[in-house]
C-alpha atoms as a PDB file:
ATOM      1  CA  UNK A   1       4.708   1.331 -18.595  1.00  0.00           C
ATOM      2  CA  UNK A   2       6.542  -2.001 -18.933  1.00  0.00           C
ATOM      3  CA  UNK A   3       7.439  -4.053 -15.875  1.00  0.00           C
ATOM      4  CA  UNK A   4      11.224  -4.064 -16.707  1.00  0.00           C
ATOM      5  CA  UNK A   5      11.132  -0.217 -16.834  1.00  0.00           C
ATOM      6  CA  UNK A   6       9.310  -0.005 -13.563  1.00  0.00           C
ATOM      7  CA  UNK A   7      11.707  -2.524 -12.015  1.00  0.00           C
ATOM      8  CA  UNK A   8      14.665  -0.377 -13.089  1.00  0.00           C
ATOM      9  CA  UNK A   9      13.092   2.813 -11.758  1.00  0.00           C
ATOM     10  CA  UNK A  10      12.434   1.143  -8.368  1.00  0.00           C
ATOM     11  CA  UNK A  11      16.090   1.249  -7.548  1.00  0.00           C
ATOM     12  CA  UNK A  12      15.972   5.034  -7.577  1.00  0.00           C
ATOM     13  CA  UNK A  13      12.743   5.303  -5.644  1.00  0.00           C
ATOM     14  CA  UNK A  14      13.701   2.688  -2.996  1.00  0.00           C
ATOM     15  CA  UNK A  15      17.135   4.034  -2.168  1.00  0.00           C
ATOM     16  CA  UNK A  16      17.667   4.103   1.654  1.00  0.00           C
ATOM     17  CA  UNK A  17      16.477   7.087   3.675  1.00  0.00           C
ATOM     18  CA  UNK A  18      17.346   7.435   7.379  1.00  0.00           C
ATOM     19  CA  UNK A  19      18.589   3.886   7.618  1.00  0.00           C
ATOM     20  CA  UNK A  20      15.478   2.249   6.171  1.00  0.00           C
ATOM     21  CA  UNK A  21      14.381   1.162   2.664  1.00  0.00           C
ATOM     22  CA  UNK A  22      11.122   2.842   1.600  1.00  0.00           C
ATOM     23  CA  UNK A  23       8.431   0.135   1.238  1.00  0.00           C
ATOM     24  CA  UNK A  24       6.159   1.502  -1.435  1.00  0.00           C
ATOM     25  CA  UNK A  25       3.767  -1.401  -1.812  1.00  0.00           C
ATOM     26  CA  UNK A  26       2.683  -4.890  -0.775  1.00  0.00           C
ATOM     27  CA  UNK A  27       1.132  -7.112  -3.448  1.00  0.00           C
ATOM     28  CA  UNK A  28       1.074 -10.667  -4.729  1.00  0.00           C
ATOM     29  CA  UNK A  29       1.055  -9.467  -8.326  1.00  0.00           C
ATOM     30  CA  UNK A  30       4.084 -10.145 -10.515  1.00  0.00           C
ATOM     31  CA  UNK A  31       2.961  -7.491 -13.029  1.00  0.00           C
ATOM     32  CA  UNK A  32       2.227  -4.397 -10.991  1.00  0.00           C
ATOM     33  CA  UNK A  33       0.898  -2.540 -13.985  1.00  0.00           C
ATOM     34  CA  UNK A  34      -2.149  -4.832 -13.831  1.00  0.00           C
ATOM     35  CA  UNK A  35      -3.229  -3.445 -10.423  1.00  0.00           C
ATOM     36  CA  UNK A  36      -6.550  -1.655 -10.752  1.00  0.00           C
ATOM     37  CA  UNK A  37      -7.249  -1.070  -7.036  1.00  0.00           C
ATOM     38  CA  UNK A  38      -5.022   0.625  -4.391  1.00  0.00           C
ATOM     39  CA  UNK A  39      -5.532   0.273  -0.658  1.00  0.00           C
ATOM     40  CA  UNK A  40      -3.953   3.408   0.823  1.00  0.00           C
ATOM     41  CA  UNK A  41      -3.012   4.178   4.392  1.00  0.00           C
ATOM     42  CA  UNK A  42      -0.934   7.012   5.852  1.00  0.00           C
ATOM     43  CA  UNK A  43       2.311   5.225   6.711  1.00  0.00           C
ATOM     44  CA  UNK A  44       3.397   1.814   8.003  1.00  0.00           C
ATOM     45  CA  UNK A  45       4.459   0.821  11.478  1.00  0.00           C
ATOM     46  CA  UNK A  46       7.004  -1.803  10.531  1.00  0.00           C
ATOM     47  CA  UNK A  47      10.184  -0.634   8.779  1.00  0.00           C
ATOM     48  CA  UNK A  48      12.745  -2.254   6.547  1.00  0.00           C
ATOM     49  CA  UNK A  49      16.041  -1.596   8.245  1.00  0.00           C
ATOM     50  CA  UNK A  50      18.824  -1.578   5.686  1.00  0.00           C
ATOM     51  CA  UNK A  51      21.038  -3.837   7.807  1.00  0.00           C
ATOM     52  CA  UNK A  52      18.311  -6.452   8.112  1.00  0.00           C
ATOM     53  CA  UNK A  53      17.215  -6.413   4.446  1.00  0.00           C
ATOM     54  CA  UNK A  54      20.731  -6.318   3.053  1.00  0.00           C
ATOM     55  CA  UNK A  55      21.296  -5.658  -0.643  1.00  0.00           C
ATOM     56  CA  UNK A  56      18.779  -3.324  -2.287  1.00  0.00           C
ATOM     57  CA  UNK A  57      18.358  -5.825  -5.155  1.00  0.00           C
ATOM     58  CA  UNK A  58      16.765  -8.293  -2.657  1.00  0.00           C
ATOM     59  CA  UNK A  59      14.347  -5.557  -1.605  1.00  0.00           C
ATOM     60  CA  UNK A  60      13.375  -4.663  -5.162  1.00  0.00           C
ATOM     61  CA  UNK A  61      13.100  -8.324  -6.174  1.00  0.00           C
ATOM     62  CA  UNK A  62      10.684  -8.858  -3.273  1.00  0.00           C
ATOM     63  CA  UNK A  63       8.582  -5.872  -4.360  1.00  0.00           C
ATOM     64  CA  UNK A  64       8.194  -7.472  -7.773  1.00  0.00           C
ATOM     65  CA  UNK A  65       7.811 -11.023  -6.489  1.00  0.00           C
ATOM     66  CA  UNK A  66      10.690 -12.314  -8.578  1.00  0.00           C
ATOM     67  CA  UNK A  67      14.014 -14.194  -8.339  1.00  0.00           C
ATOM     68  CA  UNK A  68      12.825 -16.251  -5.327  1.00  0.00           C
ATOM     69  CA  UNK A  69      11.775 -13.206  -3.292  1.00  0.00           C
ATOM     70  CA  UNK A  70       8.215 -12.119  -2.463  1.00  0.00           C
ATOM     71  CA  UNK A  71       6.614  -9.077  -0.870  1.00  0.00           C
ATOM     72  CA  UNK A  72       4.973 -11.130   1.792  1.00  0.00           C
ATOM     73  CA  UNK A  73       7.924 -13.424   2.372  1.00  0.00           C
ATOM     74  CA  UNK A  74      10.311 -10.547   3.124  1.00  0.00           C
ATOM     75  CA  UNK A  75       7.733  -8.824   5.334  1.00  0.00           C
ATOM     76  CA  UNK A  76       7.148 -11.936   7.377  1.00  0.00           C
ATOM     77  CA  UNK A  77      10.888 -12.562   7.772  1.00  0.00           C
ATOM     78  CA  UNK A  78      11.557  -8.968   9.018  1.00  0.00           C
ATOM     79  CA  UNK A  79       8.356  -7.985  10.811  1.00  0.00           C
ATOM     80  CA  UNK A  80       5.906  -9.152  13.351  1.00  0.00           C
ATOM     81  CA  UNK A  81       2.493  -9.116  11.729  1.00  0.00           C
ATOM     82  CA  UNK A  82       0.692  -6.040  13.038  1.00  0.00           C
ATOM     83  CA  UNK A  83      -3.074  -5.743  13.820  1.00  0.00           C
ATOM     84  CA  UNK A  84      -3.207  -3.218  11.009  1.00  0.00           C
ATOM     85  CA  UNK A  85      -1.676  -5.749   8.564  1.00  0.00           C
ATOM     86  CA  UNK A  86      -4.287  -8.304   9.604  1.00  0.00           C
ATOM     87  CA  UNK A  87      -7.110  -5.820   8.947  1.00  0.00           C
ATOM     88  CA  UNK A  88      -5.670  -4.825   5.579  1.00  0.00           C
ATOM     89  CA  UNK A  89      -5.458  -8.541   4.692  1.00  0.00           C
ATOM     90  CA  UNK A  90      -9.169  -8.892   5.447  1.00  0.00           C
ATOM     91  CA  UNK A  91     -10.030  -5.984   3.143  1.00  0.00           C
ATOM     92  CA  UNK A  92      -7.651  -7.139   0.421  1.00  0.00           C
ATOM     93  CA  UNK A  93      -9.044 -10.657   0.384  1.00  0.00           C
ATOM     94  CA  UNK A  94     -12.573  -9.279   0.001  1.00  0.00           C
ATOM     95  CA  UNK A  95     -11.455  -7.124  -2.900  1.00  0.00           C
ATOM     96  CA  UNK A  96      -9.671  -9.998  -4.614  1.00  0.00           C
ATOM     97  CA  UNK A  97     -12.809 -12.148  -4.357  1.00  0.00           C
ATOM     98  CA  UNK A  98     -14.748  -9.570  -6.410  1.00  0.00           C
ATOM     99  CA  UNK A  99     -12.032  -9.607  -9.081  1.00  0.00           C
ATOM    100  CA  UNK A 100      -9.896  -6.588  -8.028  1.00  0.00           C
ATOM    101  CA  UNK A 101      -6.157  -6.711  -8.622  1.00  0.00           C
ATOM    102  CA  UNK A 102      -4.886  -5.167  -5.484  1.00  0.00           C
ATOM    103  CA  UNK A 103      -1.805  -3.212  -4.561  1.00  0.00           C
ATOM    104  CA  UNK A 104      -1.481  -2.001  -0.919  1.00  0.00           C
ATOM    105  CA  UNK A 105       0.461   1.202  -0.323  1.00  0.00           C
ATOM    106  CA  UNK A 106       0.732   4.295   1.848  1.00  0.00           C
ATOM    107  CA  UNK A 107       0.897   8.021   1.163  1.00  0.00           C
ATOM    108  CA  UNK A 108       4.188   8.017   3.015  1.00  0.00           C
ATOM    109  CA  UNK A 109       6.044   4.683   2.713  1.00  0.00           C
ATOM    110  CA  UNK A 110       8.289   5.091   5.774  1.00  0.00           C
ATOM    111  CA  UNK A 111       8.011   3.518   9.202  1.00  0.00           C
ATOM    112  CA  UNK A 112       7.507   5.605  12.324  1.00  0.00           C
ATOM    113  CA  UNK A 113       6.008   4.805  15.746  1.00  0.00           C
ATOM    114  CA  UNK A 114       3.175   7.282  14.987  1.00  0.00           C
ATOM    115  CA  UNK A 115       2.329   9.125  11.807  1.00  0.00           C
ATOM    116  CA  UNK A 116       3.014  12.406  13.668  1.00  0.00           C
ATOM    117  CA  UNK A 117       6.682  11.298  13.902  1.00  0.00           C
ATOM    118  CA  UNK A 118       7.163  11.513  10.162  1.00  0.00           C
ATOM    119  CA  UNK A 119       9.910  14.001   9.277  1.00  0.00           C
ATOM    120  CA  UNK A 120       9.440  16.627   6.591  1.00  0.00           C
ATOM    121  CA  UNK A 121      11.982  14.749   4.454  1.00  0.00           C
ATOM    122  CA  UNK A 122      10.027  11.504   4.847  1.00  0.00           C
ATOM    123  CA  UNK A 123       6.842  13.282   3.896  1.00  0.00           C
ATOM    124  CA  UNK A 124       8.357  14.869   0.818  1.00  0.00           C
ATOM    125  CA  UNK A 125      10.129  11.756  -0.425  1.00  0.00           C
ATOM    126  CA  UNK A 126       7.133   9.621   0.484  1.00  0.00           C
ATOM    127  CA  UNK A 127       4.829  11.797  -1.581  1.00  0.00           C
ATOM    128  CA  UNK A 128       7.241  11.606  -4.546  1.00  0.00           C
ATOM    129  CA  UNK A 129       7.280   7.803  -4.316  1.00  0.00           C
ATOM    130  CA  UNK A 130       3.468   7.552  -4.066  1.00  0.00           C
ATOM    131  CA  UNK A 131       3.068   9.790  -7.154  1.00  0.00           C
ATOM    132  CA  UNK A 132       5.530   7.630  -9.027  1.00  0.00           C
ATOM    133  CA  UNK A 133       3.663   4.445  -8.161  1.00  0.00           C
ATOM    134  CA  UNK A 134       0.228   6.071  -8.869  1.00  0.00           C
ATOM    135  CA  UNK A 135       1.268   7.502 -12.214  1.00  0.00           C
ATOM    136  CA  UNK A 136       3.022   4.393 -13.442  1.00  0.00           C
ATOM    137  CA  UNK A 137       0.244   1.963 -12.450  1.00  0.00           C
ATOM    138  CA  UNK A 138      -2.846   4.272 -12.913  1.00  0.00           C
ATOM    139  CA  UNK A 139      -5.436   2.385 -10.778  1.00  0.00           C
ATOM    140  CA  UNK A 140      -9.086   2.822 -11.429  1.00  0.00           C
ATOM    141  CA  UNK A 141     -10.039   2.960  -7.750  1.00  0.00           C
ATOM    142  CA  UNK A 142      -8.379   3.843  -4.424  1.00  0.00           C
ATOM    143  CA  UNK A 143      -9.648   2.775  -1.053  1.00  0.00           C
ATOM    144  CA  UNK A 144      -8.151   5.059   1.521  1.00  0.00           C
ATOM    145  CA  UNK A 145      -8.527   4.222   5.142  1.00  0.00           C
ATOM    146  CA  UNK A 146      -8.319   6.822   7.938  1.00  0.00           C
ATOM    147  CA  UNK A 147      -9.085  10.521   7.989  1.00  0.00           C
ATOM    148  CA  UNK A 148      -5.410  11.438   8.098  1.00  0.00           C
ATOM    149  CA  UNK A 149      -4.533   9.366   5.066  1.00  0.00           C
ATOM    150  CA  UNK A 150      -7.599  10.792   3.186  1.00  0.00           C
ATOM    151  CA  UNK A 151      -6.491  14.338   4.003  1.00  0.00           C
ATOM    152  CA  UNK A 152      -2.950  13.650   2.808  1.00  0.00           C
ATOM    153  CA  UNK A 153      -4.208  11.883  -0.338  1.00  0.00           C
ATOM    154  CA  UNK A 154      -6.372  14.827  -1.202  1.00  0.00           C
ATOM    155  CA  UNK A 155      -3.243  16.944  -1.692  1.00  0.00           C
ATOM    156  CA  UNK A 156      -2.156  14.608  -4.520  1.00  0.00           C
ATOM    157  CA  UNK A 157      -3.617  14.723  -7.975  1.00  0.00           C
ATOM    158  CA  UNK A 158      -5.602  11.499  -8.396  1.00  0.00           C
ATOM    159  CA  UNK A 159      -8.124  12.865 -10.904  1.00  0.00           C
ATOM    160  CA  UNK A 160      -9.580  10.163 -13.104  1.00  0.00           C
ATOM    161  CA  UNK A 161      -9.531   7.653 -10.259  1.00  0.00           C
ATOM    162  CA  UNK A 162     -12.392   7.034  -7.902  1.00  0.00           C
ATOM    163  CA  UNK A 163     -11.485   7.441  -4.276  1.00  0.00           C
ATOM    164  CA  UNK A 164     -13.504   5.540  -1.651  1.00  0.00           C
ATOM    165  CA  UNK A 165     -12.936   6.591   1.961  1.00  0.00           C
ATOM    166  CA  UNK A 166     -13.341   4.350   4.961  1.00  0.00           C
ATOM    167  CA  UNK A 167     -12.387   4.485   8.660  1.00  0.00           C
ATOM    168  CA  UNK A 168      -8.837   3.629   9.730  1.00  0.00           C
ATOM    169  CA  UNK A 169      -7.750   0.000   9.755  1.00  0.00           C
ATOM    170  CA  UNK A 170      -5.051   0.902  12.316  1.00  0.00           C
ATOM    171  CA  UNK A 171      -5.610   0.736  16.090  1.00  0.00           C
ATOM    172  CA  UNK A 172      -6.474   2.617  18.198  1.00  0.00           C
ATOM    173  CA  UNK A 173      -8.895   4.296  15.700  1.00  0.00           C
ATOM    174  CA  UNK A 174      -9.994   0.938  14.421  1.00  0.00           C
ATOM    175  CA  UNK A 175     -11.015  -0.175  17.898  1.00  0.00           C
ATOM    176  CA  UNK A 176     -13.788   2.445  17.866  1.00  0.00           C
ATOM    177  CA  UNK A 177     -15.624   0.770  14.940  1.00  0.00           C
ATOM    178  CA  UNK A 178     -14.429  -2.849  14.915  1.00  0.00           C
ATOM    179  CA  UNK A 179     -17.906  -4.093  15.862  1.00  0.00           C
ATOM    180  CA  UNK A 180     -19.248  -2.998  12.485  1.00  0.00           C
ATOM    181  CA  UNK A 181     -16.123  -3.809  10.453  1.00  0.00           C
ATOM    182  CA  UNK A 182     -17.633  -6.751   8.586  1.00  0.00           C
ATOM    183  CA  UNK A 183     -20.402  -4.542   7.266  1.00  0.00           C
ATOM    184  CA  UNK A 184     -17.992  -1.784   6.385  1.00  0.00           C
ATOM    185  CA  UNK A 185     -15.616  -4.075   4.484  1.00  0.00           C
ATOM    186  CA  UNK A 186     -18.582  -5.459   2.606  1.00  0.00           C
ATOM    187  CA  UNK A 187     -19.727  -1.898   1.708  1.00  0.00           C
ATOM    188  CA  UNK A 188     -16.280  -1.016   0.395  1.00  0.00           C
ATOM    189  CA  UNK A 189     -15.989  -4.235  -1.574  1.00  0.00           C
ATOM    190  CA  UNK A 190     -19.387  -3.573  -3.213  1.00  0.00           C
ATOM    191  CA  UNK A 191     -18.377  -0.055  -4.189  1.00  0.00           C
ATOM    192  CA  UNK A 192     -15.090  -1.299  -5.695  1.00  0.00           C
ATOM    193  CA  UNK A 193     -16.951  -3.989  -7.604  1.00  0.00           C
ATOM    194  CA  UNK A 194     -19.398  -1.443  -9.000  1.00  0.00           C
ATOM    195  CA  UNK A 195     -16.505   0.850 -10.017  1.00  0.00           C
ATOM    196  CA  UNK A 196     -14.600  -1.866 -11.736  1.00  0.00           C
ATOM    197  CA  UNK A 197     -17.668  -3.563 -13.227  1.00  0.00           C
ATOM    198  CA  UNK A 198     -16.590  -6.991 -11.831  1.00  0.00           C
ATOM    199  CA  UNK A 199     -18.831  -9.778 -10.847  1.00  0.00           C
ATOM    200  CA  UNK A 200     -18.217 -11.876  -7.747  1.00  0.00           C
ATOM    201  CA  UNK A 201     -16.171 -14.879  -8.817  1.00  0.00           C
END
């Protein structure tokens, strides 16, 4: 799958739903097809309100880190950094240090106060978007955090990709195991390294 084709398809898969743009991933890669490791949660807290983002082209350009827009730049402009985002950053940095090319995503890429607030439409469209991203990029390994996300991911065909489960990075569940988080993040990074065959840089 070429990046231009993926970019073109993104306009279909990120069309507004319920007043927000789906946010299918966060990455610093400019060529998403190079991603070999997904970090997967259930759904995000912070949404991309259509009125705040503006034109869909800006949103898609940010997703692909092109034309002066970046994933992280748009996020930081629109959202207050959440505790979950900080925890995902910690994991992502560990994975990058062992050579993984990381793309962060969710099974359902829509924002709700709690995952239980997801509508049936958001779940259906979110699953379609996840499957699109997964099939186009074809990562070698997925790190899924949280029992709910793992359960939702299990309903999707990810055969051929190793799935590594870990506890949720989102409070309040994270608060129950934060005292051992360093060891857990190290464990996950070691498993990803072994799966990808990378050496620590």
